[in-house]
């Protein structure tokens, strides 16, 4: 993560009591989230759906890991 994003992660961790390492994004997670954001924006035609989909994925991560959630999103795309 870059310095700006790391700073927001640290602030969120500090204010919520979540350990910063629980909010880390590794290179693979970043690629996956950016790909999902791309899918949301292009498939829907609405750029605002990109951050909203990423938010929904974040909310769902208590039930499944990121790769599983990404597979679900990709599988629901029209062919």
C-alpha atoms as a PDB file:
ATOM      1  CA  UNK A   1       0.000   0.000   0.000  1.00  0.00           C
ATOM      2  CA  UNK A   2       1.164   3.525  -0.645  1.00  0.00           C
ATOM      3  CA  UNK A   3       1.733   6.072   2.119  1.00  0.00           C
ATOM      4  CA  UNK A   4      -1.672   7.715   1.740  1.00  0.00           C
ATOM      5  CA  UNK A   5      -3.596   4.455   1.978  1.00  0.00           C
ATOM      6  CA  UNK A   6      -1.404   3.198   4.825  1.00  0.00           C
ATOM      7  CA  UNK A   7      -2.210   6.371   6.729  1.00  0.00           C
ATOM      8  CA  UNK A   8      -5.956   5.810   6.314  1.00  0.00           C
ATOM      9  CA  UNK A   9      -5.515   2.164   7.355  1.00  0.00           C
ATOM     10  CA  UNK A  10      -3.656   3.250  10.495  1.00  0.00           C
ATOM     11  CA  UNK A  11      -6.308   5.842  11.372  1.00  0.00           C
ATOM     12  CA  UNK A  12      -9.113   3.306  10.884  1.00  0.00           C
ATOM     13  CA  UNK A  13      -7.246   0.752  12.989  1.00  0.00           C
ATOM     14  CA  UNK A  14      -6.568   3.257  15.756  1.00  0.00           C
ATOM     15  CA  UNK A  15     -10.146   4.536  15.930  1.00  0.00           C
ATOM     16  CA  UNK A  16     -11.846   1.134  15.666  1.00  0.00           C
ATOM     17  CA  UNK A  17      -9.457  -0.939  17.767  1.00  0.00           C
ATOM     18  CA  UNK A  18      -8.729  -3.266  14.843  1.00  0.00           C
ATOM     19  CA  UNK A  19      -5.097  -4.350  14.510  1.00  0.00           C
ATOM     20  CA  UNK A  20      -3.500  -2.598  11.501  1.00  0.00           C
ATOM     21  CA  UNK A  21      -2.316  -5.916  10.065  1.00  0.00           C
ATOM     22  CA  UNK A  22      -5.967  -7.043   9.808  1.00  0.00           C
ATOM     23  CA  UNK A  23      -6.521  -4.178   7.358  1.00  0.00           C
ATOM     24  CA  UNK A  24      -3.419  -4.774   5.250  1.00  0.00           C
ATOM     25  CA  UNK A  25      -3.817  -5.200   1.514  1.00  0.00           C
ATOM     26  CA  UNK A  26      -1.204  -7.376  -0.143  1.00  0.00           C
ATOM     27  CA  UNK A  27      -0.381  -7.117  -3.831  1.00  0.00           C
ATOM     28  CA  UNK A  28      -2.761  -9.942  -4.773  1.00  0.00           C
ATOM     29  CA  UNK A  29      -5.675  -8.409  -2.829  1.00  0.00           C
ATOM     30  CA  UNK A  30      -5.028  -5.048  -4.478  1.00  0.00           C
ATOM     31  CA  UNK A  31      -5.056  -6.627  -7.947  1.00  0.00           C
ATOM     32  CA  UNK A  32      -8.254  -8.537  -7.160  1.00  0.00           C
ATOM     33  CA  UNK A  33     -10.082  -5.500  -5.789  1.00  0.00           C
ATOM     34  CA  UNK A  34      -9.016  -3.308  -8.698  1.00  0.00           C
ATOM     35  CA  UNK A  35     -10.177  -5.985 -11.142  1.00  0.00           C
ATOM     36  CA  UNK A  36     -13.533  -6.226  -9.376  1.00  0.00           C
ATOM     37  CA  UNK A  37     -13.842  -2.431  -9.424  1.00  0.00           C
ATOM     38  CA  UNK A  38     -13.123  -2.521 -13.168  1.00  0.00           C
ATOM     39  CA  UNK A  39     -15.800  -5.168 -13.674  1.00  0.00           C
ATOM     40  CA  UNK A  40     -18.333  -3.149 -11.690  1.00  0.00           C
ATOM     41  CA  UNK A  41     -17.668   0.071 -13.586  1.00  0.00           C
ATOM     42  CA  UNK A  42     -17.588  -1.468 -17.052  1.00  0.00           C
ATOM     43  CA  UNK A  43     -20.343  -4.035 -16.643  1.00  0.00           C
ATOM     44  CA  UNK A  44     -22.810  -1.630 -15.063  1.00  0.00           C
ATOM     45  CA  UNK A  45     -21.765   1.458 -17.007  1.00  0.00           C
ATOM     46  CA  UNK A  46     -21.681   3.327 -13.702  1.00  0.00           C
ATOM     47  CA  UNK A  47     -18.270   4.199 -12.251  1.00  0.00           C
ATOM     48  CA  UNK A  48     -19.820   4.742  -8.830  1.00  0.00           C
ATOM     49  CA  UNK A  49     -20.572   1.019  -8.631  1.00  0.00           C
ATOM     50  CA  UNK A  50     -16.831   0.247  -8.377  1.00  0.00           C
ATOM     51  CA  UNK A  51     -16.301   1.536  -4.815  1.00  0.00           C
ATOM     52  CA  UNK A  52     -19.748   0.332  -3.788  1.00  0.00           C
ATOM     53  CA  UNK A  53     -19.004  -3.215  -4.925  1.00  0.00           C
ATOM     54  CA  UNK A  54     -15.679  -3.126  -3.074  1.00  0.00           C
ATOM     55  CA  UNK A  55     -17.546  -1.998   0.042  1.00  0.00           C
ATOM     56  CA  UNK A  56     -20.008  -4.884  -0.310  1.00  0.00           C
ATOM     57  CA  UNK A  57     -17.115  -7.304  -0.715  1.00  0.00           C
ATOM     58  CA  UNK A  58     -15.521  -5.920   2.429  1.00  0.00           C
ATOM     59  CA  UNK A  59     -18.758  -6.384   4.330  1.00  0.00           C
ATOM     60  CA  UNK A  60     -19.033  -9.986   3.085  1.00  0.00           C
ATOM     61  CA  UNK A  61     -15.471 -10.943   4.039  1.00  0.00           C
ATOM     62  CA  UNK A  62     -16.592 -12.248   7.412  1.00  0.00           C
ATOM     63  CA  UNK A  63     -18.341 -15.071   5.569  1.00  0.00           C
ATOM     64  CA  UNK A  64     -15.827 -15.897   2.815  1.00  0.00           C
ATOM     65  CA  UNK A  65     -12.316 -14.999   1.688  1.00  0.00           C
ATOM     66  CA  UNK A  66     -11.601 -12.444  -1.021  1.00  0.00           C
ATOM     67  CA  UNK A  67     -10.862 -15.017  -3.713  1.00  0.00           C
ATOM     68  CA  UNK A  68     -14.193 -16.774  -3.129  1.00  0.00           C
ATOM     69  CA  UNK A  69     -16.074 -13.484  -3.197  1.00  0.00           C
ATOM     70  CA  UNK A  70     -14.270 -12.476  -6.395  1.00  0.00           C
ATOM     71  CA  UNK A  71     -15.290 -15.767  -8.008  1.00  0.00           C
ATOM     72  CA  UNK A  72     -18.922 -15.083  -7.089  1.00  0.00           C
ATOM     73  CA  UNK A  73     -18.796 -11.614  -8.664  1.00  0.00           C
ATOM     74  CA  UNK A  74     -17.089 -12.892 -11.789  1.00  0.00           C
ATOM     75  CA  UNK A  75     -19.556 -15.771 -12.111  1.00  0.00           C
ATOM     76  CA  UNK A  76     -22.524 -13.406 -12.051  1.00  0.00           C
ATOM     77  CA  UNK A  77     -21.324 -11.426 -15.075  1.00  0.00           C
ATOM     78  CA  UNK A  78     -23.335 -11.864 -18.229  1.00  0.00           C
ATOM     79  CA  UNK A  79     -21.475 -13.837 -20.891  1.00  0.00           C
END
